[in-house]
C-alpha atoms as a PDB file:
ATOM      1  CA  MET A   1      64.598 163.209  84.975  1.00  0.00           C
ATOM      2  CA  LYS A   2      64.828 162.881  81.218  1.00  0.00           C
ATOM      3  CA  ASN A   3      62.529 160.857  78.977  1.00  0.00           C
ATOM      4  CA  PHE A   4      65.088 158.177  78.218  1.00  0.00           C
ATOM      5  CA  GLN A   5      65.732 157.638  81.935  1.00  0.00           C
ATOM      6  CA  VAL A   6      62.035 157.222  82.677  1.00  0.00           C
ATOM      7  CA  MET A   7      61.726 154.895  79.681  1.00  0.00           C
ATOM      8  CA  THR A   8      64.634 152.789  80.948  1.00  0.00           C
ATOM      9  CA  ILE A   9      63.178 152.497  84.459  1.00  0.00           C
ATOM     10  CA  ASN A  10      59.740 151.630  83.091  1.00  0.00           C
ATOM     11  CA  ALA A  11      61.223 149.008  80.746  1.00  0.00           C
ATOM     12  CA  MET A  12      63.258 147.392  83.523  1.00  0.00           C
ATOM     13  CA  ILE A  13      60.218 147.207  85.809  1.00  0.00           C
ATOM     14  CA  LEU A  14      58.106 145.663  83.037  1.00  0.00           C
ATOM     15  CA  ILE A  15      60.803 143.096  82.302  1.00  0.00           C
ATOM     16  CA  ALA A  16      61.355 142.202  85.957  1.00  0.00           C
ATOM     17  CA  LEU A  17      57.682 141.950  86.909  1.00  0.00           C
ATOM     18  CA  GLY A  18      56.792 140.135  83.685  1.00  0.00           C
ATOM     19  CA  VAL A  19      59.500 137.524  84.200  1.00  0.00           C
ATOM     20  CA  PHE A  20      58.431 137.159  87.838  1.00  0.00           C
ATOM     21  CA  GLY A  21      54.840 136.675  86.692  1.00  0.00           C
ATOM     22  CA  TYR A  22      55.920 134.071  84.163  1.00  0.00           C
ATOM     23  CA  VAL A  23      57.984 132.166  86.722  1.00  0.00           C
ATOM     24  CA  THR A  24      55.158 132.153  89.270  1.00  0.00           C
ATOM     25  CA  SER A  25      52.292 131.409  86.878  1.00  0.00           C
ATOM     26  CA  GLY A  26      53.898 129.639  83.939  1.00  0.00           C
ATOM     27  CA  SER A  27      51.542 131.459  81.576  1.00  0.00           C
ATOM     28  CA  PRO A  28      53.164 132.536  78.303  1.00  0.00           C
ATOM     29  CA  THR A  29      50.989 135.674  78.245  1.00  0.00           C
ATOM     30  CA  ALA A  30      53.063 136.923  81.168  1.00  0.00           C
ATOM     31  CA  LEU A  31      55.861 137.441  78.654  1.00  0.00           C
ATOM     32  CA  ILE A  32      53.965 140.283  76.967  1.00  0.00           C
ATOM     33  CA  ALA A  33      55.231 142.793  79.523  1.00  0.00           C
ATOM     34  CA  PRO A  34      58.906 141.803  79.090  1.00  0.00           C
ATOM     35  CA  ALA A  35      58.458 142.015  75.312  1.00  0.00           C
ATOM     36  CA  VAL A  36      57.123 145.553  75.644  1.00  0.00           C
ATOM     37  CA  GLY A  37      59.986 146.322  78.018  1.00  0.00           C
ATOM     38  CA  MET A  38      62.519 145.079  75.471  1.00  0.00           C
ATOM     39  CA  VAL A  39      60.994 147.273  72.758  1.00  0.00           C
ATOM     40  CA  LEU A  40      61.135 150.267  75.101  1.00  0.00           C
ATOM     41  CA  LEU A  41      64.758 149.466  75.919  1.00  0.00           C
ATOM     42  CA  ALA A  42      65.548 149.383  72.199  1.00  0.00           C
ATOM     43  CA  LEU A  43      63.934 152.822  71.857  1.00  0.00           C
ATOM     44  CA  VAL A  44      65.975 154.318  74.714  1.00  0.00           C
ATOM     45  CA  PHE A  45      69.054 154.923  72.575  1.00  0.00           C
ATOM     46  CA  PRO A  46      67.320 156.892  69.798  1.00  0.00           C
ATOM     47  CA  VAL A  47      65.294 158.827  72.395  1.00  0.00           C
ATOM     48  CA  LYS A  48      68.522 159.718  74.206  1.00  0.00           C
ATOM     49  CA  LYS A  49      69.751 161.242  70.928  1.00  0.00           C
ATOM     50  CA  GLU A  50      66.549 163.354  70.695  1.00  0.00           C
ATOM     51  CA  ASN A  51      64.912 161.250  67.948  1.00  0.00           C
ATOM     52  CA  SER A  52      61.321 162.478  68.051  1.00  0.00           C
ATOM     53  CA  VAL A  53      59.909 159.570  66.017  1.00  0.00           C
ATOM     54  CA  ALA A  54      61.297 157.027  68.482  1.00  0.00           C
ATOM     55  CA  ALA A  55      60.010 159.127  71.380  1.00  0.00           C
ATOM     56  CA  HIS A  56      56.509 159.226  69.906  1.00  0.00           C
ATOM     57  CA  ILE A  57      56.568 155.475  69.257  1.00  0.00           C
ATOM     58  CA  GLY A  58      57.613 154.921  72.875  1.00  0.00           C
ATOM     59  CA  VAL A  59      54.851 157.180  74.178  1.00  0.00           C
ATOM     60  CA  GLY A  60      52.225 155.492  72.012  1.00  0.00           C
ATOM     61  CA  LEU A  61      53.361 152.040  73.083  1.00  0.00           C
ATOM     62  CA  THR A  62      53.391 153.140  76.714  1.00  0.00           C
ATOM     63  CA  GLY A  63      49.863 154.553  76.422  1.00  0.00           C
ATOM     64  CA  LEU A  64      48.487 151.403  74.821  1.00  0.00           C
ATOM     65  CA  THR A  65      50.275 149.236  77.349  1.00  0.00           C
ATOM     66  CA  THR A  66      48.853 151.281  80.220  1.00  0.00           C
ATOM     67  CA  ILE A  67      45.304 150.781  78.995  1.00  0.00           C
ATOM     68  CA  ALA A  68      45.824 147.060  78.374  1.00  0.00           C
ATOM     69  CA  PHE A  69      47.409 146.486  81.782  1.00  0.00           C
ATOM     70  CA  PHE A  70      44.608 148.292  83.610  1.00  0.00           C
ATOM     71  CA  ILE A  71      41.940 146.293  81.768  1.00  0.00           C
ATOM     72  CA  VAL A  72      43.644 142.928  82.240  1.00  0.00           C
ATOM     73  CA  GLY A  73      44.652 143.729  85.821  1.00  0.00           C
ATOM     74  CA  ALA A  74      41.084 144.629  86.719  1.00  0.00           C
ATOM     75  CA  MET A  75      39.638 141.559  84.996  1.00  0.00           C
ATOM     76  CA  ARG A  76      42.048 139.156  86.669  1.00  0.00           C
ATOM     77  CA  SER A  77      42.420 141.050  89.957  1.00  0.00           C
ATOM     78  CA  ASN A  78      46.171 140.538  89.627  1.00  0.00           C
ATOM     79  CA  ILE A  79      48.228 142.933  91.731  1.00  0.00           C
ATOM     80  CA  ILE A  80      51.364 142.463  89.606  1.00  0.00           C
ATOM     81  CA  ILE A  81      49.563 143.559  86.451  1.00  0.00           C
ATOM     82  CA  VAL A  82      47.967 146.502  88.263  1.00  0.00           C
ATOM     83  CA  LEU A  83      51.407 147.501  89.589  1.00  0.00           C
ATOM     84  CA  MET A  84      52.812 147.415  86.042  1.00  0.00           C
ATOM     85  CA  ALA A  85      49.843 149.518  84.904  1.00  0.00           C
ATOM     86  CA  VAL A  86      50.461 152.136  87.598  1.00  0.00           C
ATOM     87  CA  VAL A  87      54.185 152.368  86.847  1.00  0.00           C
ATOM     88  CA  THR A  88      53.482 152.623  83.125  1.00  0.00           C
ATOM     89  CA  LEU A  89      50.816 155.284  83.736  1.00  0.00           C
ATOM     90  CA  ILE A  90      53.296 157.356  85.746  1.00  0.00           C
ATOM     91  CA  ALA A  91      55.796 157.083  82.885  1.00  0.00           C
ATOM     92  CA  PHE A  92      53.100 158.058  80.378  1.00  0.00           C
ATOM     93  CA  ILE A  93      52.118 161.123  82.414  1.00  0.00           C
ATOM     94  CA  PHE A  94      55.768 162.123  82.617  1.00  0.00           C
ATOM     95  CA  TYR A  95      56.192 161.795  78.833  1.00  0.00           C
ATOM     96  CA  VAL A  96      53.121 163.871  78.059  1.00  0.00           C
ATOM     97  CA  SER A  97      54.051 166.597  80.546  1.00  0.00           C
ATOM     98  CA  ASP A  98      57.579 166.713  79.124  1.00  0.00           C
ATOM     99  CA  PHE A  99      56.224 167.024  75.577  1.00  0.00           C
ATOM    100  CA  MET A 100      53.948 169.871  76.674  1.00  0.00           C
ATOM    101  CA  ARG A 101      56.853 171.623  78.433  1.00  0.00           C
ATOM    102  CA  ARG A 102      59.056 171.340  75.343  1.00  0.00           C
ATOM    103  CA  LYS A 103      56.293 172.691  73.120  1.00  0.00           C
ATOM    104  CA  LYS A 104      55.858 175.740  75.351  1.00  0.00           C
ATOM    105  CA  GLU A 105      59.616 176.314  75.275  1.00  0.00           C
ATOM    106  CA  ARG A 106      59.655 176.121  71.461  1.00  0.00           C
ATOM    107  CA  GLU A 107      56.748 178.561  71.204  1.00  0.00           C
ATOM    108  CA  ALA A 108      58.421 180.968  73.621  1.00  0.00           C
ATOM    109  CA  ASN A 109      61.667 180.814  71.643  1.00  0.00           C
ATOM    110  CA  ALA A 110      59.826 181.349  68.363  1.00  0.00           C
ATOM    111  CA  GLN A 111      58.193 184.554  69.657  1.00  0.00           C
ATOM    112  CA  GLN A 112      61.522 186.100  70.623  1.00  0.00           C
END
């Protein structure tokens, strides 16, 4: 799976679960996750075209979001927030492993 595909799936899950959380709770803070999802969706197109700046912004946002969701999910004992945190963590791990793989490929090509 490519980075932009993982980013799209993560964004859609954040949007869906955030809207569900807003509908069930009525709290405007539940709209933070859909906002992050919309930003990630906006970054999908540049990432698909191999824009490294957009990819790094997406990874940074995903990392910060992961930390925030785990903290808030643990404080509130909210399973929806914890689920968003786990999905976002999986996406973050995928991004980092893909970056490391690409770096090794570049280094191997540079030595040839």
